[in-house]
Amino acid sequence: GTYLGGITLTGSLVAFGKLQGLMGSAPLSFPGMHQANAVGFAANMGLGFGAFMYISTSASYETGLALVLANAVASGVQGYVLIGAIGGADVPVAITVLNSYSGWAMAAEGFMLSNGLCLSVGALVGSSGAILSYIMCVAMNRSLTNVIFGGVGTSSTKAADGAVAKTYSGTATETSVDEVANWLVESKDIIITVGYGMAVAKAQYAIAEIVSLLRAKGNRVRFCIHPVAGRMPGQMNVLLAEAKVPYDIVKEMDEINDEFEECDLCMVIGANDTVNSAALDDPASAIAGMPVCHVWKAKQVVV
C-alpha cells in the first residue's frame, strides 16, 4: 500500500504539471532508466517486506517505521521517474493507471487494518481504473506496458528498424472568420470533430450556439468524438451535453468515420493526434497504428 501510494502521489503531481504546462511534455529519459526502475521496484519490495516483518513480529517498531518511511520516499522517487517518462499525449492513460493504483493502495491498507469498507472501496476503484486504462489503450492501439514503459513522446521518433518519421512541409492555407461562416452556411452536411483544445478554451458553448443556428437553417450537423479525446473517455460528450448539444448528433468515431467522404465541410476544433493521418500512413510515427478520425476525407476541412 505504501509503495503504490507513493507512486500515486508523486506521479499525480507530475501528470498535473504536464497537463497544466508547468513541466515539459517530452518524456523523461536517461541511460539505464528501465534497469533503474527494476532496481527501484526490488528495493521497494525489500523495504516493504522488512517493515512488515519488524512491525508484525514486534522485533523493533522504530526500525519498522524507518523502513516504512524509506519505502515511501523510494516509491515517490520511482513515481516521478515512471510518470515523467510518459509523453504528454499518453498522460491521460497514466492518470487512469494512477487512479487504479490509488484504489489498490486503499485496498491494501484496508486489508492491513481489517477495515472492510476500505478494502471493498479500494478494490472497486482499483478495478474500475484498470478497466478504463485498458479501454483507452485499445482505443489507441497500444499496450499498457508500451504506454507506461515506452517513453513515447509527442515528437517524431525512430521506429524499431531505424526508420525516421516523415516530415511534412508546405504552406498553410489561411482563411478568415467571415469566409468560414459563409462555408458553414452554404454546406448542407457538416461534421465537427472536437478535442481537448475545446475543453481548454471552453468553446463548447460557442460551438453549441453555432450548431443551433445551422440546424435552424436546415443544415445537417454532427459531431465526431474520438474514444480518447480529452483527458479521459467521455469528457467531450459531457462538455457538449453541458452546452445543450443534442445527444443524438454526437457520434462516436466508429459510427461516423465512414461518412466523412460524404460531408461538405469538416471543422476540427482542438484536436491533434486524433485526426492525424500519419497514424495510418507513417509506420515510424509516434502514433502509428492508432485509430483516428478520417477528417481529411471530407470535401473541405477547416482546422
Protein backbone atom coordinates (compact mmCIF):
# COMPACT_ATOMS: atom_id res chain seq x y z
CA GLY A 1 0.00 0.00 0.00
CA THR A 2 2.81 2.42 0.84
CA TYR A 3 4.58 1.60 -2.42
CA LEU A 4 1.52 2.20 -4.59
CA GLY A 5 0.55 5.27 -2.58
CA GLY A 6 3.99 6.85 -3.05
CA ILE A 7 3.93 6.26 -6.79
CA THR A 8 0.38 7.69 -6.97
CA LEU A 9 1.30 10.85 -5.03
CA THR A 10 4.36 11.95 -7.00
CA GLY A 11 3.04 10.52 -10.26
CA SER A 12 -0.15 12.56 -9.94
CA LEU A 13 1.86 15.72 -9.31
CA VAL A 14 3.96 15.07 -12.42
CA ALA A 15 0.84 14.35 -14.53
CA PHE A 16 -0.73 17.59 -13.28
CA GLY A 17 2.41 19.51 -14.15
CA LYS A 18 2.48 18.12 -17.68
CA LEU A 19 -1.19 18.81 -18.36
CA GLN A 20 -1.01 22.34 -16.94
CA GLY A 21 2.13 23.18 -18.90
CA LEU A 22 4.19 23.58 -15.72
CA MET A 23 6.52 20.82 -16.97
CA GLY A 24 7.66 19.87 -20.45
CA SER A 25 5.53 17.26 -22.21
CA ALA A 26 8.58 15.44 -23.59
CA PRO A 27 9.25 12.10 -21.85
CA LEU A 28 12.00 11.84 -19.25
CA SER A 29 14.79 9.60 -20.47
CA PHE A 30 18.26 8.67 -19.25
CA PRO A 31 20.61 5.71 -19.83
CA GLY A 32 19.60 2.63 -17.87
CA MET A 33 16.18 4.03 -16.94
CA HIS A 34 14.35 0.71 -17.20
CA GLN A 35 17.07 -1.05 -15.20
CA ALA A 36 16.80 1.68 -12.56
CA ASN A 37 13.04 1.12 -12.38
CA ALA A 38 13.60 -2.60 -11.90
CA VAL A 39 16.10 -1.95 -9.11
CA GLY A 40 13.70 0.55 -7.55
CA PHE A 41 10.90 -1.99 -7.61
CA ALA A 42 13.08 -4.63 -5.95
CA ALA A 43 14.30 -2.15 -3.33
CA ASN A 44 10.75 -1.05 -2.51
CA MET A 45 9.59 -4.63 -2.17
CA GLY A 46 12.52 -5.34 0.15
CA LEU A 47 11.81 -2.28 2.29
CA GLY A 48 8.11 -3.11 2.48
CA PHE A 49 8.72 -6.71 3.45
CA GLY A 50 11.31 -5.68 6.03
CA ALA A 51 8.93 -3.13 7.57
CA PHE A 52 6.16 -5.74 7.71
CA MET A 53 8.40 -8.28 9.46
CA TYR A 54 9.80 -5.82 12.01
CA ILE A 55 6.40 -4.38 12.94
CA SER A 56 4.32 -7.58 12.83
CA THR A 57 6.79 -9.53 15.00
CA SER A 58 7.30 -6.57 17.38
CA ALA A 59 11.05 -7.01 16.89
CA SER A 60 11.68 -3.28 16.54
CA TYR A 61 8.88 -0.79 15.99
CA GLU A 62 11.34 2.07 15.38
CA THR A 63 13.23 0.13 12.72
CA GLY A 64 9.99 -0.91 11.05
CA LEU A 65 8.76 2.70 10.98
CA ALA A 66 12.06 3.85 9.48
CA LEU A 67 11.71 1.23 6.74
CA VAL A 68 8.15 2.38 6.02
CA LEU A 69 9.35 5.98 5.66
CA ALA A 70 12.22 4.84 3.40
CA ASN A 71 9.71 2.86 1.34
CA ALA A 72 7.52 5.96 0.97
CA VAL A 73 10.44 8.11 -0.18
CA ALA A 74 11.78 5.48 -2.60
CA SER A 75 8.34 4.85 -4.10
CA GLY A 76 7.85 8.60 -4.51
CA VAL A 77 11.08 8.84 -6.50
CA GLN A 78 10.03 5.91 -8.66
CA GLY A 79 6.63 7.52 -9.25
CA TYR A 80 8.35 10.65 -10.54
CA VAL A 81 10.53 8.63 -12.92
CA LEU A 82 7.72 6.37 -14.15
CA ILE A 83 5.25 9.16 -14.97
CA GLY A 84 7.96 11.57 -16.09
CA ALA A 85 8.92 9.00 -18.76
CA ILE A 86 5.43 9.22 -20.29
CA GLY A 87 4.98 11.69 -23.12
CA GLY A 88 2.29 14.36 -22.97
CA ALA A 89 -0.04 12.54 -25.38
CA ASP A 90 -0.13 9.48 -23.11
CA VAL A 91 -0.68 11.31 -19.81
CA PRO A 92 -4.48 10.68 -19.85
CA VAL A 93 -3.76 6.95 -19.76
CA ALA A 94 -1.26 7.49 -16.95
CA ILE A 95 -3.97 9.28 -14.96
CA THR A 96 -6.31 6.30 -15.16
CA VAL A 97 -3.44 3.99 -14.16
CA LEU A 98 -2.67 6.19 -11.15
CA ASN A 99 -6.36 6.15 -10.27
CA SER A 100 -6.19 2.38 -10.28
CA TYR A 101 -3.04 2.43 -8.13
CA SER A 102 -4.76 4.61 -5.53
CA GLY A 103 -7.57 2.09 -5.29
CA TRP A 104 -5.26 -0.87 -4.81
CA ALA A 105 -3.28 1.10 -2.19
CA MET A 106 -6.51 1.70 -0.27
CA ALA A 107 -7.45 -1.97 -0.60
CA ALA A 108 -4.06 -2.98 0.79
CA GLU A 109 -4.44 -0.63 3.75
CA GLY A 110 -7.94 -1.96 4.34
CA PHE A 111 -6.56 -5.49 4.42
CA MET A 112 -3.83 -4.50 6.90
CA LEU A 113 -6.26 -2.63 9.17
CA SER A 114 -9.05 -5.22 8.84
CA ASN A 115 -11.29 -2.46 7.50
CA GLY A 116 -13.87 -3.95 5.16
CA LEU A 117 -15.02 -0.59 3.83
CA CYS A 118 -11.52 0.47 2.73
CA LEU A 119 -10.94 -2.95 1.22
CA SER A 120 -14.15 -3.03 -0.83
CA VAL A 121 -14.00 0.63 -1.97
CA GLY A 122 -10.31 0.30 -2.84
CA ALA A 123 -10.95 -2.83 -4.88
CA LEU A 124 -13.78 -1.07 -6.72
CA VAL A 125 -11.66 1.99 -7.54
CA GLY A 126 -8.65 -0.12 -8.48
CA SER A 127 -10.53 -2.45 -10.81
CA SER A 128 -12.51 0.37 -12.49
CA GLY A 129 -9.28 2.32 -13.09
CA ALA A 130 -7.64 -0.75 -14.58
CA ILE A 131 -10.62 -1.35 -16.89
CA LEU A 132 -10.63 2.28 -18.02
CA SER A 133 -6.88 2.11 -18.72
CA TYR A 134 -7.44 -0.97 -20.85
CA ILE A 135 -10.25 0.72 -22.81
CA MET A 136 -8.06 3.76 -23.53
CA CYS A 137 -5.12 1.61 -24.64
CA VAL A 138 -7.36 -0.37 -27.01
CA ALA A 139 -8.65 2.91 -28.45
CA MET A 140 -5.06 3.98 -29.15
CA ASN A 141 -3.99 0.53 -30.41
CA ARG A 142 -1.30 0.45 -27.73
CA SER A 143 -0.44 -1.92 -24.91
CA LEU A 144 -0.40 -0.66 -21.33
CA THR A 145 3.24 -1.68 -20.91
CA ASN A 146 4.13 0.31 -24.04
CA VAL A 147 2.48 3.43 -22.59
CA ILE A 148 3.96 3.10 -19.08
CA PHE A 149 7.47 1.97 -20.03
CA GLY A 150 7.76 3.03 -23.68
CA GLY A 151 8.61 6.70 -23.15
CA VAL A 152 6.74 7.69 -26.28
CA GLY A 153 6.58 11.46 -26.57
CA THR A 154 4.79 13.98 -28.67
CA SER A 155 7.57 14.47 -31.20
CA SER A 156 8.63 12.26 -34.10
CA THR A 157 10.60 9.20 -33.11
CA LYS A 158 12.56 6.43 -34.75
CA ALA A 159 10.90 3.13 -35.38
CA ALA A 160 12.36 -0.13 -34.13
CA ASP A 161 14.02 -0.77 -37.51
CA GLY A 162 15.69 2.66 -37.52
CA ALA A 163 13.16 4.34 -39.84
CA VAL A 164 12.57 8.02 -39.18
CA ALA A 165 9.10 9.53 -39.07
CA LYS A 166 8.09 11.58 -42.09
CA THR A 167 8.48 15.33 -42.07
CA TYR A 168 5.79 17.44 -43.67
CA SER A 169 6.36 20.76 -45.37
CA GLY A 170 4.24 23.24 -47.25
CA THR A 171 2.26 26.41 -46.82
CA ALA A 172 -0.86 26.54 -44.70
CA THR A 173 -3.95 27.84 -46.46
CA GLU A 174 -5.23 30.71 -44.36
CA THR A 175 -8.83 31.77 -44.12
CA SER A 176 -10.94 34.24 -42.15
CA VAL A 177 -13.88 34.13 -39.77
CA ASP A 178 -16.24 35.58 -42.40
CA GLU A 179 -15.14 33.06 -45.01
CA VAL A 180 -15.59 30.10 -42.64
CA ALA A 181 -19.01 31.44 -41.65
CA ASN A 182 -20.04 31.51 -45.31
CA TRP A 183 -18.79 27.96 -45.83
CA LEU A 184 -20.79 26.78 -42.82
CA VAL A 185 -23.98 28.41 -44.10
CA GLU A 186 -23.54 27.02 -47.62
CA SER A 187 -22.60 23.47 -46.51
CA LYS A 188 -25.54 21.11 -46.21
CA ASP A 189 -23.67 18.34 -44.37
CA ILE A 190 -21.19 19.30 -41.64
CA ILE A 191 -19.14 17.19 -39.22
CA ILE A 192 -17.42 18.83 -36.26
CA THR A 193 -14.50 16.95 -34.70
CA VAL A 194 -13.51 18.20 -31.25
CA GLY A 195 -10.60 17.50 -28.93
CA TYR A 196 -9.03 18.57 -25.66
CA GLY A 197 -8.34 22.05 -27.05
CA MET A 198 -12.08 22.71 -26.97
CA ALA A 199 -12.15 21.92 -23.26
CA VAL A 200 -9.19 24.20 -22.53
CA ALA A 201 -10.76 27.09 -24.46
CA LYS A 202 -14.24 26.35 -23.02
CA ALA A 203 -15.50 26.68 -26.57
CA GLN A 204 -18.36 24.18 -26.25
CA TYR A 205 -20.93 26.93 -25.59
CA ALA A 206 -20.00 28.95 -28.66
CA ILE A 207 -19.97 25.76 -30.73
CA ALA A 208 -23.40 24.79 -29.42
CA GLU A 209 -24.78 28.19 -30.43
CA ILE A 210 -23.33 27.85 -33.95
CA VAL A 211 -24.80 24.37 -34.27
CA SER A 212 -28.21 25.61 -33.15
CA LEU A 213 -28.21 28.36 -35.80
CA LEU A 214 -27.09 25.98 -38.55
CA ARG A 215 -29.71 23.38 -37.69
CA ALA A 216 -32.38 26.07 -37.65
CA LYS A 217 -31.42 26.81 -41.28
CA GLY A 218 -31.83 23.15 -42.18
CA ASN A 219 -28.13 22.19 -42.29
CA ARG A 220 -27.21 18.71 -41.13
CA VAL A 221 -24.62 18.92 -38.32
CA ARG A 222 -22.99 16.07 -36.42
CA PHE A 223 -20.07 15.63 -34.05
CA CYS A 224 -17.29 13.04 -34.28
CA ILE A 225 -15.80 12.08 -30.90
CA HIS A 226 -12.61 10.05 -30.65
CA PRO A 227 -12.60 7.48 -27.80
CA VAL A 228 -9.62 9.13 -26.08
CA ALA A 229 -10.34 12.77 -26.93
CA GLY A 230 -9.70 14.81 -23.78
CA ARG A 231 -8.21 13.68 -20.52
CA MET A 232 -10.37 10.59 -20.35
CA PRO A 233 -13.11 8.81 -22.33
CA GLY A 234 -16.41 10.67 -22.34
CA GLN A 235 -15.05 14.11 -21.43
CA MET A 236 -16.06 15.65 -24.77
CA ASN A 237 -19.53 14.11 -24.54
CA VAL A 238 -20.04 15.59 -21.08
CA LEU A 239 -18.89 19.06 -22.16
CA LEU A 240 -21.17 19.06 -25.20
CA ALA A 241 -24.07 17.86 -23.08
CA GLU A 242 -23.45 20.72 -20.64
CA ALA A 243 -23.72 23.12 -23.60
CA LYS A 244 -27.12 21.61 -24.51
CA VAL A 245 -25.90 19.94 -27.72
CA PRO A 246 -28.50 17.28 -28.70
CA TYR A 247 -27.20 13.85 -27.77
CA ASP A 248 -28.38 12.23 -30.99
CA ILE A 249 -25.98 14.25 -33.16
CA VAL A 250 -22.91 13.35 -31.06
CA LYS A 251 -21.39 10.26 -32.68
CA GLU A 252 -18.51 8.02 -31.71
CA MET A 253 -15.61 7.76 -34.17
CA ASP A 254 -16.50 4.25 -35.31
CA GLU A 255 -20.10 5.31 -36.03
CA ILE A 256 -19.26 8.22 -38.32
CA ASN A 257 -15.77 7.60 -39.75
CA ASP A 258 -17.15 6.18 -43.00
CA GLU A 259 -19.33 9.27 -43.55
CA PHE A 260 -16.57 11.88 -43.85
CA GLU A 261 -16.34 11.35 -47.63
CA GLU A 262 -19.97 12.46 -47.98
CA CYS A 263 -19.82 15.60 -45.83
CA ASP A 264 -19.37 19.04 -47.39
CA LEU A 265 -17.33 20.53 -44.55
CA CYS A 266 -15.43 19.19 -41.55
CA MET A 267 -14.41 21.52 -38.74
CA VAL A 268 -11.58 20.35 -36.46
CA ILE A 269 -11.65 22.17 -33.13
CA GLY A 270 -8.94 21.49 -30.58
CA ALA A 271 -7.96 18.05 -31.91
CA ASN A 272 -4.44 16.99 -32.92
CA ASP A 273 -3.23 13.38 -32.71
CA THR A 274 -6.78 12.03 -33.01
CA VAL A 275 -7.08 13.48 -36.56
CA ASN A 276 -3.51 12.88 -37.73
CA SER A 277 -3.31 10.75 -40.89
CA ALA A 278 0.30 9.86 -40.01
CA ALA A 279 -1.17 7.21 -37.71
CA LEU A 280 -2.22 5.31 -40.84
CA ASP A 281 0.44 6.10 -43.45
CA ASP A 282 3.66 6.57 -41.44
CA PRO A 283 4.90 3.39 -39.68
CA ALA A 284 7.65 5.38 -37.93
CA SER A 285 5.24 7.92 -36.44
CA ALA A 286 4.89 8.09 -32.66
CA ILE A 287 1.15 7.38 -33.10
CA ALA A 288 1.46 4.71 -35.81
CA GLY A 289 -1.43 2.24 -35.69
CA MET A 290 -3.67 4.43 -33.54
CA PRO A 291 -7.26 4.65 -34.84
CA VAL A 292 -8.00 8.24 -35.89
CA CYS A 293 -10.89 10.30 -37.24
CA HIS A 294 -10.69 10.41 -41.06
CA VAL A 295 -11.30 14.15 -41.30
CA TRP A 296 -9.06 14.57 -44.39
CA LYS A 297 -11.62 12.66 -46.48
CA ALA A 298 -14.18 15.46 -46.22
CA LYS A 299 -14.70 17.70 -49.25
CA GLN A 300 -13.39 20.66 -47.26
CA VAL A 301 -11.59 20.76 -43.90
CA VAL A 302 -11.14 23.73 -41.58
CA VAL A 303 -8.80 23.44 -38.60
